[in-house]
């Protein structure tokens, strides 16, 4: 007499439900991507996913400095500038938090963690007023500094975790040889945590690359706006949308993100001391 396991039946039904949910989620991501790819080469692109009338006219229409190249360059300047400022400041802030015992270290770290949850919209009014007083409105440099400051809390938290993995005994050896704290940081600690710094840099770069709200508020001139803001040019004042050109521009806009993702995967996301200590 065959014995049917109740638990195995439940597992099969649970697996079917899980697969159905996963397929539904996959469709939610893949269908918009399919529309993006087909609309970019469709001469009659609309908001619907249809068989494309193949053409490269959408790409050729946006291949100009004013519509594509200058906004992408501005995005690159803002993302790289804010990432550089953030990483430098995060290293200088994380070093004492990682290496020294302080009385208010834990409350300070909780404050930093709270800063990662603070919505940017909550501080834009006083920031805008400050930019008016300092005459920094419509300034790429001022916008870079502010964007770097907004990414700093999470960057400090991440950098400290990477720095904690570097044994302090290596710095102590450098101190015995006469190196100062800053020299030990520059010549000993930073080379060993380069993969971690790369992770922080890429994270902040991606945040800056896709940031819309801050440049939209602080930058006015068309030749200073990044691609995240200039994408509005594909929408006219009467509600019309150039769907084909919008899709082609979106693909070009996403290429740096894809490249950085591939690079981060190639790095393996690991943090190793690579033989810094003898076993």
Foldseek 3Di string as FASTA:
>chain_A
DDDDDPVVVVVVVVVVVVVVVVVVVVCVPVVVVQLLVQLLQAPPRDPDRDHGPGHNVLVVVQPDCLQAVLQAVLLQCLLQLLLVLQLVVLLVVLVCLQPDDDPCSVVVLVVLVVLLVDDPVVCVVVVLVVCVVVVCFQPSVVLSVVLSVSLNSVLNVQVNVLQNPFDCVQVVVVVVVPDDPVRCCVVPRCVQSVLSSLVSSLVSSVVSSQDDPSCVSRRDDSSNHHPNDSLCVQADPVGDGSRNNSSSSVVVSCVVVVVSVVVNVVVVSDRDSVPPDDD
